[in-house]
Protein backbone atom coordinates (compact mmCIF):
# COMPACT_ATOMS: atom_id res chain seq x y z
CA MET A 1 -17.09 2.56 -35.72
CA THR A 2 -19.51 4.68 -33.44
CA THR A 3 -18.42 5.36 -29.72
CA PRO A 4 -21.18 4.82 -27.30
CA PRO A 5 -22.61 7.75 -25.61
CA ALA A 6 -21.25 8.44 -22.03
CA ALA A 7 -23.95 7.96 -20.35
CA ILE A 8 -24.49 4.39 -21.54
CA ARG A 9 -20.85 3.37 -21.39
CA THR A 10 -19.81 0.19 -19.62
CA ASN A 11 -17.18 0.51 -16.55
CA THR A 12 -15.04 -1.88 -16.63
CA ASN A 13 -12.79 -0.78 -14.19
CA PRO A 14 -12.07 -3.48 -11.32
CA ALA A 15 -10.22 -1.47 -9.07
CA PRO A 16 -13.45 -0.23 -6.92
CA LYS A 17 -14.36 -3.82 -6.48
CA ARG A 18 -10.75 -4.83 -5.54
CA ARG A 19 -11.10 -2.10 -3.11
CA ARG A 20 -14.00 -2.72 -1.41
CA LYS A 21 -12.95 -6.58 -1.12
CA ARG A 22 -9.90 -5.58 0.82
CA ALA A 23 -11.97 -3.26 2.95
CA LEU A 24 -13.84 -5.89 3.91
CA TRP A 25 -10.90 -8.49 4.48
CA LEU A 26 -9.85 -5.77 6.84
CA VAL A 27 -12.80 -5.59 8.80
CA ALA A 28 -12.91 -9.17 8.92
CA LEU A 29 -9.29 -9.27 10.04
CA VAL A 30 -9.87 -6.78 12.92
CA LEU A 31 -12.80 -8.16 14.37
CA LEU A 32 -11.19 -11.88 14.34
CA GLY A 33 -8.23 -9.90 16.21
CA THR A 34 -10.24 -8.00 18.48
CA TYR A 35 -11.85 -11.61 19.42
CA LEU A 36 -8.98 -13.34 19.81
CA SER A 37 -7.50 -10.83 22.05
CA VAL A 38 -10.58 -10.66 24.40
CA ALA A 39 -10.65 -14.29 24.15
CA ILE A 40 -7.09 -14.78 25.16
CA HIS A 41 -6.82 -11.62 27.61
CA HIS A 42 -9.88 -12.95 29.60
CA SER A 43 -8.21 -16.57 30.04
CA VAL A 44 -5.28 -15.40 31.72
CA LYS A 45 -5.86 -12.30 32.68
CA PRO A 46 -4.71 -11.38 36.82
CA LEU A 47 -7.06 -12.85 39.22
CA PRO A 48 -8.64 -10.60 41.53
CA GLN A 49 -6.81 -9.75 45.00
CA GLY A 50 -6.95 -12.40 47.49
CA LEU A 51 -7.58 -15.72 44.99
CA HIS A 52 -5.96 -18.33 44.35
CA TRP A 53 -4.96 -18.64 48.38
CA SER A 54 -3.45 -21.13 50.28
CA SER A 55 -3.36 -20.78 54.44
CA PRO A 56 -0.67 -22.29 56.72
CA TYR A 57 -1.59 -25.17 58.75
CA HIS A 58 -3.04 -24.19 62.11
CA PRO A 59 -4.00 -26.19 64.94
CA ALA A 60 -7.65 -27.00 65.22
CA THR A 61 -10.27 -28.16 67.89
CA ASP A 62 -13.15 -29.87 67.72
CA VAL A 63 -13.01 -30.95 63.50
CA GLU A 64 -15.88 -33.00 62.60
CA PHE A 65 -16.50 -34.86 59.31
CA LEU A 66 -19.89 -34.45 58.00
CA ALA A 67 -21.88 -36.41 55.83
CA ASP A 68 -25.44 -36.35 54.00
CA SER A 69 -26.16 -39.71 52.49
CA SER A 70 -28.78 -41.65 50.71
CA TRP A 71 -28.99 -45.45 50.13
CA LEU A 72 -31.40 -48.00 48.91
CA ASP A 73 -32.00 -51.06 50.96
CA ALA A 74 -32.69 -54.35 49.92
CA SER A 75 -36.09 -54.10 48.71
CA GLY A 76 -34.94 -50.76 46.59
CA ARG A 77 -36.42 -48.34 48.98
CA GLN A 78 -34.64 -45.26 49.66
CA HIS A 79 -33.32 -43.97 52.72
CA HIS A 80 -32.00 -40.50 53.80
CA GLU A 81 -29.47 -39.40 56.65
CA THR A 82 -28.74 -35.81 57.08
CA ALA A 83 -25.85 -33.50 59.26
CA ILE A 84 -24.44 -31.02 57.41
CA PHE A 85 -27.19 -28.25 57.44
CA GLU A 86 -28.14 -29.19 61.01
CA ALA A 87 -24.54 -28.27 61.71
CA ALA A 88 -24.48 -25.37 59.75
CA LEU A 89 -27.87 -24.01 61.39
CA GLU A 90 -26.69 -24.63 64.95
CA MET A 91 -23.92 -22.48 63.90
CA ILE A 92 -26.22 -19.64 63.00
CA GLY A 93 -28.14 -19.62 66.22
CA GLU A 94 -25.39 -19.60 68.05
CA ALA A 95 -23.55 -16.94 66.51
CA GLN A 96 -22.89 -13.36 68.71
CA ASN A 97 -21.45 -11.20 66.59
CA LEU A 98 -20.75 -11.99 62.89
CA ILE A 99 -21.95 -14.43 60.15
CA VAL A 100 -20.44 -14.98 57.01
CA ALA A 101 -22.09 -17.34 54.56
CA ASP A 102 -21.08 -17.84 50.91
CA PHE A 103 -23.37 -20.29 49.06
CA PHE A 104 -23.57 -21.08 45.35
CA LEU A 105 -27.10 -21.94 45.28
CA ILE A 106 -29.48 -20.54 47.71
CA ASN A 107 -33.09 -21.01 46.10
CA GLU A 108 -36.15 -23.06 45.55
CA PHE A 109 -35.75 -23.46 41.93
CA ALA A 110 -36.31 -27.45 41.34
CA GLY A 111 -36.14 -27.61 37.28
CA GLU A 112 -37.99 -30.78 36.46
CA SER A 113 -37.26 -32.97 39.46
CA ALA A 114 -40.21 -34.33 41.54
CA ASP A 115 -41.44 -32.98 44.71
CA GLY A 116 -40.42 -34.10 48.03
CA HIS A 117 -37.07 -32.13 48.70
CA ARG A 118 -36.58 -30.00 51.77
CA PRO A 119 -36.78 -26.68 52.04
CA LEU A 120 -33.10 -25.98 52.45
CA ALA A 121 -33.35 -22.36 51.11
CA GLY A 122 -36.15 -21.30 53.09
CA GLU A 123 -34.51 -22.73 56.44
CA MET A 124 -31.16 -21.10 55.79
CA VAL A 125 -33.12 -17.93 55.42
CA GLN A 126 -35.10 -18.21 58.21
CA GLY A 127 -32.13 -18.83 60.62
CA LEU A 128 -30.27 -15.66 59.43
CA VAL A 129 -33.30 -14.06 59.53
CA GLU A 130 -34.13 -15.08 63.18
CA ARG A 131 -30.74 -14.55 64.39
CA ARG A 132 -30.72 -11.26 63.22
CA ALA A 133 -33.43 -10.46 65.15
CA GLN A 134 -32.36 -11.86 68.24
CA GLN A 135 -29.06 -10.14 68.45
CA PRO A 136 -29.83 -6.93 66.49
CA GLY A 137 -26.06 -6.00 66.75
CA LEU A 138 -25.14 -8.92 64.54
CA ASP A 139 -23.28 -8.16 61.14
CA ALA A 140 -24.58 -11.04 58.60
CA PHE A 141 -23.27 -11.58 55.29
CA LEU A 142 -24.85 -13.79 52.52
CA ILE A 143 -22.43 -14.14 49.25
CA THR A 144 -23.74 -16.04 46.47
CA ASP A 145 -24.00 -16.72 43.01
CA PRO A 146 -25.95 -14.71 40.53
CA PHE A 147 -27.57 -17.79 39.25
CA ASN A 148 -30.00 -17.27 42.08
CA THR A 149 -31.57 -14.77 40.46
CA LEU A 150 -30.69 -16.06 36.94
CA TYR A 151 -28.18 -13.00 36.32
CA GLY A 152 -31.07 -11.13 37.04
CA GLY A 153 -33.68 -12.51 35.06
CA VAL A 154 -36.17 -13.12 37.78
CA ASP A 155 -36.76 -11.75 41.24
CA GLN A 156 -35.58 -13.56 44.26
CA PRO A 157 -37.91 -12.74 47.11
CA LEU A 158 -35.73 -14.70 49.56
CA PHE A 159 -32.63 -12.10 48.98
CA ASP A 160 -35.63 -9.57 49.53
CA ARG A 161 -36.68 -11.35 53.05
CA LEU A 162 -32.86 -11.19 53.97
CA ARG A 163 -31.77 -7.24 52.81
CA ALA A 164 -35.39 -6.60 55.03
CA ALA A 165 -33.80 -8.13 57.77
CA GLY A 166 -30.68 -6.25 57.70
CA VAL A 167 -28.58 -9.23 56.07
CA GLU A 168 -26.26 -8.00 53.27
CA VAL A 169 -26.35 -10.03 50.17
CA VAL A 170 -23.77 -9.58 48.12
CA GLU A 171 -23.88 -11.45 44.15
CA THR A 172 -20.64 -12.20 42.97
CA ASN A 173 -19.14 -9.84 40.41
CA LEU A 174 -18.46 -12.89 37.60
CA ASN A 175 -17.05 -10.37 35.29
CA ALA A 176 -13.98 -10.05 37.11
CA LEU A 177 -13.29 -13.76 36.98
CA ARG A 178 -11.29 -15.55 34.19
CA ASP A 179 -13.38 -16.99 31.39
CA SER A 180 -13.47 -20.82 31.46
CA ASN A 181 -15.45 -20.71 28.21
CA PRO A 182 -13.54 -18.39 25.84
CA ALA A 183 -15.13 -19.10 22.86
CA TRP A 184 -18.33 -17.93 23.93
CA SER A 185 -17.39 -15.52 26.33
CA ALA A 186 -15.01 -13.54 23.92
CA VAL A 187 -18.41 -12.79 22.04
CA TRP A 188 -20.91 -12.08 25.17
CA ARG A 189 -18.16 -9.41 26.35
CA LEU A 190 -18.12 -7.76 23.11
CA CYS A 191 -21.67 -7.70 22.26
CA CYS A 192 -24.04 -8.88 25.18
CA GLN A 193 -22.49 -7.79 28.61
CA TRP A 194 -23.61 -4.26 28.58
CA PHE A 195 -27.07 -4.97 28.25
CA GLU A 196 -29.17 -4.81 31.63
CA ASN A 197 -31.41 -7.70 32.58
CA GLY A 198 -34.54 -7.43 34.43
CA ALA A 199 -37.37 -9.78 35.68
CA ALA A 200 -39.85 -8.18 33.44
CA GLY A 201 -40.26 -8.55 30.06
CA GLY A 202 -39.32 -11.94 29.78
CA TRP A 203 -40.40 -14.54 26.83
CA LEU A 204 -37.93 -17.40 27.26
CA PRO A 205 -38.84 -20.70 29.25
CA ASN A 206 -36.96 -20.73 32.40
CA PRO A 207 -34.81 -23.46 32.84
CA VAL A 208 -35.25 -24.10 36.39
CA GLY A 209 -38.83 -22.55 37.02
CA GLU A 210 -41.92 -21.11 36.03
CA SER A 211 -41.27 -16.97 35.32
CA PRO A 212 -40.26 -16.72 31.73
CA VAL A 213 -36.81 -15.10 31.57
CA SER A 214 -34.96 -12.63 28.78
CA LEU A 215 -32.72 -13.85 25.83
CA ARG A 216 -30.17 -12.11 28.08
CA THR A 217 -30.23 -14.81 30.82
CA TYR A 218 -29.02 -17.86 28.38
CA LEU A 219 -26.47 -15.39 26.79
CA THR A 220 -24.66 -14.87 30.53
CA LEU A 221 -25.85 -18.48 31.48
CA LEU A 222 -23.78 -20.07 28.34
CA ASN A 223 -20.30 -18.28 29.97
CA PHE A 224 -20.66 -21.28 32.38
CA LYS A 225 -18.75 -19.58 35.25
CA ALA A 226 -19.76 -19.76 38.80
CA ASN A 227 -18.66 -18.51 42.49
CA HIS A 228 -19.02 -22.35 43.30
CA ARG A 229 -17.87 -21.94 47.36
CA LYS A 230 -19.90 -23.53 49.79
CA THR A 231 -18.58 -21.97 53.52
CA LEU A 232 -20.12 -20.86 56.91
CA VAL A 233 -18.36 -18.50 59.59
CA THR A 234 -19.62 -17.47 62.90
CA ASP A 235 -18.65 -16.79 66.26
CA GLY A 236 -20.26 -18.94 68.77
CA PRO A 237 -20.12 -19.15 72.81
CA ASN A 238 -16.75 -21.76 72.03
CA GLY A 239 -15.07 -19.47 69.75
CA TRP A 240 -15.03 -19.16 65.77
CA THR A 241 -16.28 -21.69 63.84
CA GLY A 242 -16.20 -22.48 60.26
CA LEU A 243 -17.74 -24.93 57.85
CA VAL A 244 -16.51 -26.03 54.40
CA THR A 245 -18.94 -28.13 52.63
CA SER A 246 -20.05 -29.46 48.90
CA GLY A 247 -23.63 -29.07 49.77
CA ASN A 248 -25.94 -25.97 48.89
CA PRO A 249 -29.08 -25.16 50.77
CA HIS A 250 -30.92 -25.28 47.71
CA ASP A 251 -34.25 -27.36 47.99
CA ALA A 252 -33.70 -29.25 44.55
CA SER A 253 -30.32 -30.50 46.20
CA SER A 254 -31.44 -31.67 49.78
CA ARG A 255 -31.82 -35.19 48.71
CA HIS A 256 -27.96 -35.03 47.17
CA HIS A 257 -25.02 -37.13 49.20
CA ASN A 258 -22.33 -34.18 50.48
CA VAL A 259 -19.27 -33.67 52.43
CA ALA A 260 -18.29 -31.23 55.00
CA ILE A 261 -15.80 -30.49 57.73
CA ARG A 262 -16.47 -28.39 60.51
CA PHE A 263 -14.12 -26.80 62.89
CA ARG A 264 -12.82 -24.35 65.29
CA GLY A 265 -9.49 -22.56 65.91
CA PRO A 266 -7.15 -19.91 63.63
CA ALA A 267 -8.47 -21.45 60.34
CA ALA A 268 -11.88 -20.00 60.85
CA LEU A 269 -10.28 -16.34 60.74
CA ASP A 270 -8.38 -17.26 57.54
CA LEU A 271 -11.48 -18.42 56.12
CA LEU A 272 -13.10 -15.24 56.60
CA HIS A 273 -10.08 -13.44 54.84
CA THR A 274 -10.97 -15.60 51.81
CA GLU A 275 -14.41 -14.27 51.90
CA GLN A 276 -13.55 -10.65 52.47
CA ALA A 277 -11.36 -11.16 49.16
CA VAL A 278 -14.82 -11.63 47.01
CA VAL A 279 -16.86 -9.22 48.68
CA ALA A 280 -14.06 -6.52 47.99
CA PHE A 281 -14.01 -7.68 44.13
CA SER A 282 -17.79 -7.56 44.18
CA ASN A 283 -19.15 -4.59 45.64
CA GLY A 284 -16.08 -2.85 48.05
CA THR A 285 -18.18 -3.99 51.21
CA GLU A 286 -15.49 -4.71 54.54
CA ILE A 287 -16.66 -7.71 56.59
CA PRO A 288 -15.71 -6.59 60.35
CA ILE A 289 -12.90 -9.43 60.89
CA PRO A 290 -11.44 -9.28 64.40
CA ASP A 291 -7.86 -9.30 65.52
CA ARG A 292 -6.46 -12.56 65.10
CA ALA A 293 -4.46 -12.67 68.61
CA SER A 294 -7.13 -11.41 70.82
CA THR A 295 -10.01 -13.73 69.20
CA ILE A 296 -8.58 -17.04 68.61
CA PRO A 297 -7.57 -20.06 70.94
CA LYS A 298 -5.08 -22.74 70.69
CA GLY A 299 -6.21 -25.65 68.84
CA ASP A 300 -5.45 -29.39 69.24
CA GLU A 301 -1.29 -29.90 67.97
CA ARG A 302 -2.72 -33.34 66.88
CA VAL A 303 -4.76 -31.98 64.20
CA GLU A 304 -3.96 -29.50 61.67
CA LEU A 305 -6.09 -27.60 59.35
CA ARG A 306 -5.49 -25.05 56.40
CA ILE A 307 -7.82 -23.12 54.03
CA LEU A 308 -7.28 -23.75 50.36
CA THR A 309 -8.87 -21.93 47.09
CA GLU A 310 -9.13 -22.21 43.39
CA ALA A 311 -5.71 -23.73 41.74
CA ARG A 312 -4.27 -24.46 45.11
CA ILE A 313 -7.04 -26.80 45.57
CA ARG A 314 -5.29 -28.77 42.70
CA ASP A 315 -1.97 -28.07 43.86
CA ALA A 316 -2.66 -29.96 47.16
CA ALA A 317 -4.54 -32.85 45.47
CA LEU A 318 -1.73 -33.71 43.05
CA GLU A 319 0.90 -33.42 46.13
CA MET A 320 -1.13 -35.73 48.44
CA ILE A 321 -1.45 -38.39 45.61
CA ASP A 322 1.85 -37.89 44.24
CA ARG A 323 3.17 -38.55 47.81
CA ALA A 324 1.87 -41.85 48.37
CA GLN A 325 3.57 -45.01 48.55
CA HIS A 326 3.50 -48.68 47.81
CA GLY A 327 0.99 -50.03 50.05
CA GLU A 328 -0.72 -46.89 51.17
CA ARG A 329 -4.09 -45.85 50.47
CA VAL A 330 -6.03 -42.98 48.32
CA ASP A 331 -9.58 -43.06 48.13
CA LEU A 332 -11.39 -40.45 46.02
CA LEU A 333 -15.14 -39.66 45.85
CA MET A 334 -16.03 -37.08 43.56
CA PHE A 335 -19.35 -35.76 41.53
CA TYR A 336 -17.50 -34.66 38.27
CA LEU A 337 -13.50 -35.95 37.80
CA ALA A 338 -11.83 -34.62 34.44
CA HIS A 339 -8.78 -32.77 35.36
CA ARG A 340 -6.19 -34.59 33.04
CA ALA A 341 -3.51 -33.94 35.64
CA VAL A 342 -5.02 -35.68 38.25
CA LEU A 343 -5.98 -38.44 36.32
CA ARG A 344 -2.30 -39.16 35.38
CA ALA A 345 -1.70 -38.82 39.04
CA LEU A 346 -4.09 -41.63 39.98
CA ILE A 347 -2.59 -43.78 37.38
CA GLY A 348 0.81 -43.13 38.46
CA ALA A 349 -0.28 -43.77 42.32
CA HIS A 350 -1.51 -46.99 40.85
CA GLN A 351 1.13 -48.10 39.27
CA ARG A 352 3.64 -47.71 42.34
CA GLY A 353 1.66 -49.84 44.09
CA VAL A 354 -0.90 -47.68 46.11
CA GLU A 355 -3.97 -49.05 46.55
CA VAL A 356 -6.63 -46.50 44.79
CA ARG A 357 -10.40 -46.27 45.21
CA VAL A 358 -12.12 -43.99 43.15
CA LEU A 359 -16.47 -44.00 43.94
CA LEU A 360 -17.65 -41.73 41.29
CA ASP A 361 -21.25 -40.31 40.45
CA PRO A 362 -22.86 -42.06 37.12
CA ASN A 363 -23.61 -38.31 35.98
CA ARG A 364 -27.08 -39.42 34.98
CA ASP A 365 -29.50 -37.11 36.93
CA ALA A 366 -29.87 -33.25 37.41
CA PHE A 367 -32.52 -32.28 38.42
CA GLY A 368 -35.47 -34.55 37.02
CA ARG A 369 -33.13 -34.70 33.75
CA GLU A 370 -31.16 -37.54 32.64
CA LYS A 371 -27.52 -36.90 31.71
CA ASN A 372 -24.99 -39.15 29.25
CA GLY A 373 -22.98 -39.58 31.67
CA ILE A 374 -20.09 -37.38 30.57
CA PRO A 375 -17.31 -37.11 31.85
CA ASN A 376 -17.17 -39.36 34.58
CA ARG A 377 -17.90 -42.52 32.54
CA GLN A 378 -15.14 -41.78 30.12
CA VAL A 379 -12.80 -41.10 32.91
CA ALA A 380 -14.02 -44.18 34.57
CA MET A 381 -13.04 -46.56 31.57
CA GLU A 382 -9.54 -44.41 31.27
CA LEU A 383 -9.10 -45.21 34.80
CA GLN A 384 -10.38 -49.24 35.08
CA GLN A 385 -8.10 -50.05 31.63
CA ALA A 386 -5.24 -48.84 33.74
CA GLY A 387 -6.07 -50.87 36.75
CA VAL A 388 -7.61 -48.89 38.76
CA GLN A 389 -10.56 -49.65 40.94
CA VAL A 390 -13.82 -47.93 39.96
CA ARG A 391 -17.16 -48.03 41.60
CA TRP A 392 -20.50 -46.06 41.15
CA CYS A 393 -22.57 -44.33 43.64
CA ASN A 394 -26.08 -45.98 43.49
CA THR A 395 -28.18 -43.15 43.07
CA ALA A 396 -31.87 -42.46 42.74
CA GLY A 397 -32.67 -39.34 40.96
CA GLU A 398 -30.72 -37.71 43.74
CA GLN A 399 -26.81 -36.73 43.05
CA CYS A 400 -23.64 -38.29 44.31
CA HIS A 401 -22.48 -34.66 45.01
CA GLY A 402 -19.56 -35.08 47.60
CA LYS A 403 -16.10 -34.29 46.89
CA MET A 404 -13.17 -35.82 49.20
CA LEU A 405 -9.90 -37.15 48.57
CA LEU A 406 -8.12 -39.06 51.72
CA HIS A 407 -4.77 -40.49 51.53
CA LEU A 408 -3.72 -42.75 54.78
CA ASP A 409 -0.04 -43.65 54.94
CA HIS A 410 2.39 -46.14 56.42
CA GLU A 411 2.90 -43.93 59.86
CA ALA A 412 -0.98 -44.15 60.49
CA ASN A 413 -1.39 -40.74 59.52
CA GLY A 414 -4.34 -39.35 57.44
CA THR A 415 -4.50 -36.26 55.00
CA LEU A 416 -8.28 -35.69 54.52
CA LEU A 417 -8.70 -32.60 51.23
CA ALA A 418 -12.66 -31.57 51.09
CA GLY A 419 -14.95 -29.09 49.87
CA SER A 420 -16.57 -27.63 46.84
CA ALA A 421 -13.94 -28.20 44.40
CA ASN A 422 -14.80 -31.05 41.64
CA PHE A 423 -11.73 -32.17 39.90
CA THR A 424 -12.01 -30.48 36.43
CA ARG A 425 -10.22 -27.94 34.77
CA ARG A 426 -13.22 -25.36 35.45
CA ASN A 427 -12.76 -26.07 38.80
CA LEU A 428 -9.00 -26.32 39.82
CA ASP A 429 -7.31 -24.28 37.46
CA ASN A 430 -8.75 -20.60 38.72
CA LEU A 431 -11.78 -20.25 36.80
CA ASN A 432 -14.53 -20.80 39.35
CA LEU A 433 -14.26 -19.78 42.92
CA GLU A 434 -14.06 -22.49 45.12
CA THR A 435 -13.20 -23.57 48.72
CA ASN A 436 -12.00 -26.61 50.39
CA VAL A 437 -10.11 -27.55 53.77
CA GLN A 438 -7.24 -30.18 53.63
CA VAL A 439 -6.73 -31.58 57.16
CA ARG A 440 -3.47 -33.84 58.42
CA ALA A 441 -4.13 -35.87 61.56
CA ASP A 442 -3.06 -39.39 62.90
CA ILE A 443 -6.05 -41.85 61.57
CA GLU A 444 -7.09 -42.32 65.37
CA ALA A 445 -8.52 -38.82 65.36
CA PRO A 446 -12.19 -38.90 64.81
CA VAL A 447 -12.14 -36.76 61.63
CA ILE A 448 -9.83 -38.99 59.74
CA ALA A 449 -11.62 -42.03 61.10
CA ASP A 450 -14.82 -41.14 60.41
CA ALA A 451 -14.05 -40.11 56.68
CA ALA A 452 -12.38 -43.41 56.19
CA ALA A 453 -15.15 -45.37 57.78
CA PHE A 454 -17.43 -43.05 55.51
CA PHE A 455 -16.13 -44.53 52.29
CA ASP A 456 -15.36 -47.97 53.44
CA THR A 457 -18.79 -47.88 53.90
CA ARG A 458 -19.92 -46.75 50.57
CA TRP A 459 -17.47 -48.80 48.88
CA GLN A 460 -18.00 -51.82 50.51
CA ASN A 461 -21.67 -51.94 50.89
CA GLU A 462 -23.95 -53.40 53.91
CA PRO A 463 -26.19 -56.17 53.75
CA ASP A 464 -29.10 -53.65 53.87
CA ARG A 465 -27.34 -50.51 52.74
CA ILE A 466 -26.55 -50.81 48.78
CA HIS A 467 -24.33 -47.77 48.70
CA SER A 468 -22.24 -48.34 45.49
CA LEU A 469 -22.51 -50.53 42.61
CA PRO A 470 -19.51 -52.19 40.31
CA TYR A 471 -17.69 -50.33 37.24
CA SER A 472 -20.13 -52.85 34.78
CA ALA A 473 -23.17 -50.78 35.82
CA PHE A 474 -22.25 -47.57 34.13
CA ALA A 475 -19.41 -48.46 32.35
CA ASP A 476 -19.13 -47.11 28.61
CA HIS A 477 -16.68 -47.61 26.12
CA SER A 478 -17.71 -45.45 23.44
CA GLY A 479 -14.62 -43.97 21.38
CA LEU A 480 -16.73 -40.94 20.23
CA ARG A 481 -18.43 -39.52 23.65
CA TYR A 482 -14.97 -40.68 25.02
CA TRP A 483 -13.39 -37.91 22.76
CA ARG A 484 -16.43 -35.84 23.29
CA TYR A 485 -15.44 -35.08 26.94
CA ARG A 486 -11.49 -34.38 25.90
CA PHE A 487 -12.67 -31.63 23.87
CA MET A 488 -15.42 -30.31 26.20
CA GLU A 489 -13.02 -30.73 28.89
CA ALA A 490 -10.21 -28.95 26.79
CA SER A 491 -12.55 -25.85 25.41
CA GLY A 492 -14.69 -25.07 28.39
CA LEU A 493 -17.63 -26.08 25.81
CA SER A 494 -19.31 -27.80 28.87
CA THR A 495 -21.23 -27.53 32.17
CA PHE A 496 -18.78 -29.18 34.09
């Protein structure tokens, strides 16, 4: 038999194929290991210094509960009452040496919502510019989230105007925070975070405005992380004043329901220190914080207040609910409620005989877009089945955006927790930046009495003010959507 020539002899040696396959598997394992390492590290890495913080309680003076609210009358016509940004603009107009504002949203983006909004962003910017002109030596800072420039994807004329007036605008360095959506953020950190964004060259539709944006805007947006704080500190003629709220100076948010606490006293300087922590890891600037002993008068010993940030808010909320005893009352008003530990605590309190009332946004409206009710309708089903009383804010295009928890005990004392934080994993577990205040006083103190009356009015309604609706109005018993909520809450693949 003749042997084939070497040039046409078939190579049947399988070794090269095996080596290539092993090499591909090795590359895949290295990539997977790198991805998992990045995802895990940035989910649990140390927080920047000064976050996850609680101050001691301090006596406080002039502690006020403020609210922006809407309601429908018997004919279905909507009415609005506002107080929060009137108070904020008053503080800015009286500031003498320092203004430090930190707001998640300060822009004119409207999404698909209708016209008729109050120009809150422009009012805030105008107030800061005017006060800087009146007090040339005044230091003014605006700390905010990069969403206001769509992560560098659009120009923000409001910020240009502030900088021209001498107001320092600090966009928070979100990369320093833990990742709340690690499944995507690990990919983004490996492939995309290095690319600069810019207002030129955008070709994709803007999710909240008209100017087109680049793909880099969407890739960053999917990290679902934020500086979600809403605070203001000034030194006015009556001393240092702090404001902590759930509201944003954002035009399309101007009709939302929100709450706030305004106060004077030592806790205002604690609030300043929490904002210095954000500035420090964002751009290294120093806020000129005064010496505490020389600037802070004593407060009212009957009303105590402290500042809480990030997961310290969760700890305080759980302690308040767990402390409530049979016959006492716990009221919760919340835009997003999803945190599993909080839900277990509320159900446990109800089972101990605490009167628990939960008033929720129906999660129906988002700047002109209709939502599917996740997570509140799924959480409400769980609470209602456990016997907890649930009602819905009676919204008509706006959002019930307030966040407050109130405990009234047998000794006629009240504890109020209010601020920026929704009760979700992202807001309470050291992922977003958040600020709340906690106030304790007797129930006759105006801040407690006003908060209790505010909740009662919205829970019970009035003949010509329909603030809330029964659970049945938005009940959703879909098992599929319930487990979708549970997956979204646990994984971070959500916007709440």
